[in-house]
């Protein structure tokens, strides 16, 4: 698969090392966007509490973090779901299993799914989602971070 299309297509398979590297990049991008949006939103909302008659603490402690986090996560949601679906394909599962995750508030389930995607080896041979992955790909990704 051509490298620029990797984070945007949910077809095919992806090994655990490549998923960890891309997830790290995507979470870093979300954090950077969160910091960028937080600064710009706070600068826009400086005089807003007085005009709306709302307590200043409500604006700065509830609205700003929630709004900026929403804005920063939107550009990262599809690429993260696409690479996670590929990772599930490597494990032999359908990517549709990711669909209910945002609606399940249990932190333990989220941690379990992230550990499954990050640590478990995929199916050794070809499956219905594509041919077996070359183990050297994961070794090259690991060598980049060593």
Protein backbone atom coordinates (compact mmCIF):
# COMPACT_ATOMS: atom_id res chain seq x y z
CA UNK A 1 0.00 0.00 0.00
CA UNK A 2 1.25 3.47 -0.86
CA UNK A 3 2.47 5.28 2.31
CA UNK A 4 0.34 8.50 2.11
CA UNK A 5 -2.87 6.45 1.93
CA UNK A 6 -2.03 4.28 4.97
CA UNK A 7 -3.78 6.39 7.62
CA UNK A 8 -6.87 7.04 5.50
CA UNK A 9 -7.79 3.60 4.17
CA UNK A 10 -9.22 0.84 6.33
CA UNK A 11 -8.40 -1.92 3.84
CA UNK A 12 -5.66 -4.45 4.45
CA UNK A 13 -3.68 -5.39 7.52
CA UNK A 14 -1.23 -3.66 9.85
CA UNK A 15 1.27 -5.09 12.31
CA UNK A 16 1.52 -4.06 15.96
CA UNK A 17 4.73 -2.02 15.64
CA UNK A 18 3.43 0.05 12.74
CA UNK A 19 0.12 0.58 14.57
CA UNK A 20 1.94 1.75 17.70
CA UNK A 21 4.06 4.18 15.66
CA UNK A 22 1.07 5.64 13.80
CA UNK A 23 -1.07 5.80 16.95
CA UNK A 24 1.74 7.67 18.70
CA UNK A 25 1.97 10.16 15.82
CA UNK A 26 -1.82 10.63 15.73
CA UNK A 27 -2.11 11.10 19.51
CA UNK A 28 0.77 13.60 19.31
CA UNK A 29 -1.03 15.46 16.54
CA UNK A 30 -4.22 15.55 18.61
CA UNK A 31 -2.30 16.90 21.61
CA UNK A 32 -0.63 19.57 19.49
CA UNK A 33 -3.95 20.60 17.97
CA UNK A 34 -5.50 20.62 21.44
CA UNK A 35 -2.85 23.05 22.67
CA UNK A 36 -3.23 25.21 19.55
CA UNK A 37 -7.02 25.36 19.77
CA UNK A 38 -6.97 25.95 23.54
CA UNK A 39 -4.82 29.05 23.07
CA UNK A 40 -6.97 30.46 20.28
CA UNK A 41 -10.30 29.69 21.97
CA UNK A 42 -9.19 31.22 25.28
CA UNK A 43 -8.12 34.38 23.45
CA UNK A 44 -11.56 34.56 21.79
CA UNK A 45 -13.43 34.01 25.05
CA UNK A 46 -11.61 36.58 27.22
CA UNK A 47 -14.61 38.95 27.48
CA UNK A 48 -17.37 36.41 26.94
CA UNK A 49 -18.36 35.54 30.55
CA UNK A 50 -19.30 39.15 31.35
CA UNK A 51 -21.39 39.51 28.19
CA UNK A 52 -23.26 36.24 28.73
CA UNK A 53 -23.75 36.66 32.46
CA UNK A 54 -22.12 33.30 33.16
CA UNK A 55 -19.61 32.62 35.92
CA UNK A 56 -16.07 32.90 34.61
CA UNK A 57 -15.12 29.55 36.13
CA UNK A 58 -17.83 27.78 34.12
CA UNK A 59 -16.46 29.12 30.84
CA UNK A 60 -12.80 28.38 31.52
CA UNK A 61 -13.18 25.06 33.35
CA UNK A 62 -15.98 23.42 31.37
CA UNK A 63 -16.60 24.98 27.97
CA UNK A 64 -13.04 25.73 26.85
CA UNK A 65 -11.51 22.29 27.60
CA UNK A 66 -14.47 20.41 26.13
CA UNK A 67 -14.72 22.55 23.01
CA UNK A 68 -10.99 22.59 22.32
CA UNK A 69 -10.71 18.85 22.87
CA UNK A 70 -13.55 18.24 20.42
CA UNK A 71 -11.93 20.47 17.80
CA UNK A 72 -8.54 18.84 18.19
CA UNK A 73 -9.86 15.28 18.00
CA UNK A 74 -11.98 15.67 14.87
CA UNK A 75 -9.09 15.63 12.34
CA UNK A 76 -7.54 12.60 14.05
CA UNK A 77 -10.63 10.39 14.45
CA UNK A 78 -10.79 8.92 10.94
CA UNK A 79 -7.05 8.12 10.58
CA UNK A 80 -6.99 6.50 14.03
CA UNK A 81 -10.06 4.41 13.25
CA UNK A 82 -8.65 3.43 9.84
CA UNK A 83 -5.32 2.18 11.21
CA UNK A 84 -7.09 0.48 14.14
CA UNK A 85 -9.41 -1.30 11.69
CA UNK A 86 -6.35 -2.54 9.79
CA UNK A 87 -4.89 -3.75 13.06
CA UNK A 88 -8.12 -5.64 13.84
CA UNK A 89 -7.96 -7.13 10.32
CA UNK A 90 -4.48 -8.44 11.13
CA UNK A 91 -5.94 -10.11 14.21
CA UNK A 92 -8.73 -11.65 12.11
CA UNK A 93 -11.57 -9.40 13.32
CA UNK A 94 -13.79 -7.00 11.45
CA UNK A 95 -13.10 -3.28 11.78
CA UNK A 96 -16.77 -2.79 12.65
CA UNK A 97 -15.90 -3.87 16.22
CA UNK A 98 -14.49 -0.35 16.70
CA UNK A 99 -17.86 1.29 16.13
CA UNK A 100 -19.34 0.91 19.65
CA UNK A 101 -16.12 1.93 21.47
CA UNK A 102 -16.83 5.68 21.75
CA UNK A 103 -20.18 4.91 23.36
CA UNK A 104 -18.79 2.60 26.04
CA UNK A 105 -17.64 4.61 29.04
CA UNK A 106 -15.70 1.82 30.74
CA UNK A 107 -12.02 2.73 30.95
CA UNK A 108 -11.05 -0.90 31.56
CA UNK A 109 -12.50 -1.93 28.19
CA UNK A 110 -10.63 0.90 26.43
CA UNK A 111 -7.35 -0.15 28.04
CA UNK A 112 -7.97 -3.78 27.07
CA UNK A 113 -8.66 -2.86 23.42
CA UNK A 114 -5.56 -0.62 23.20
CA UNK A 115 -3.42 -3.39 24.72
CA UNK A 116 -4.90 -5.90 22.27
CA UNK A 117 -4.11 -3.67 19.30
CA UNK A 118 -0.65 -2.69 20.50
CA UNK A 119 0.74 -5.96 21.80
CA UNK A 120 -0.92 -9.03 20.29
CA UNK A 121 0.59 -10.62 17.21
CA UNK A 122 -1.60 -10.98 14.15
CA UNK A 123 -2.63 -14.14 12.38
CA UNK A 124 0.44 -15.80 10.87
CA UNK A 125 -1.00 -16.65 7.47
CA UNK A 126 -3.28 -14.91 5.02
CA UNK A 127 -6.81 -14.19 6.16
CA UNK A 128 -9.88 -12.70 4.50
CA UNK A 129 -8.43 -9.17 4.87
CA UNK A 130 -5.18 -9.78 3.02
CA UNK A 131 -1.92 -11.71 2.81
CA UNK A 132 0.33 -12.31 5.79
CA UNK A 133 2.50 -9.39 6.84
CA UNK A 134 6.25 -9.44 6.44
CA UNK A 135 7.85 -9.62 9.90
CA UNK A 136 10.73 -7.45 8.64
CA UNK A 137 8.33 -4.47 8.38
CA UNK A 138 7.75 -4.48 12.13
CA UNK A 139 11.47 -4.98 12.76
CA UNK A 140 12.24 -1.88 10.65
CA UNK A 141 9.69 0.19 12.58
CA UNK A 142 11.13 -1.00 15.90
CA UNK A 143 14.67 -0.16 14.68
CA UNK A 144 13.57 3.41 13.96
CA UNK A 145 12.64 3.92 17.61
CA UNK A 146 15.64 2.07 19.09
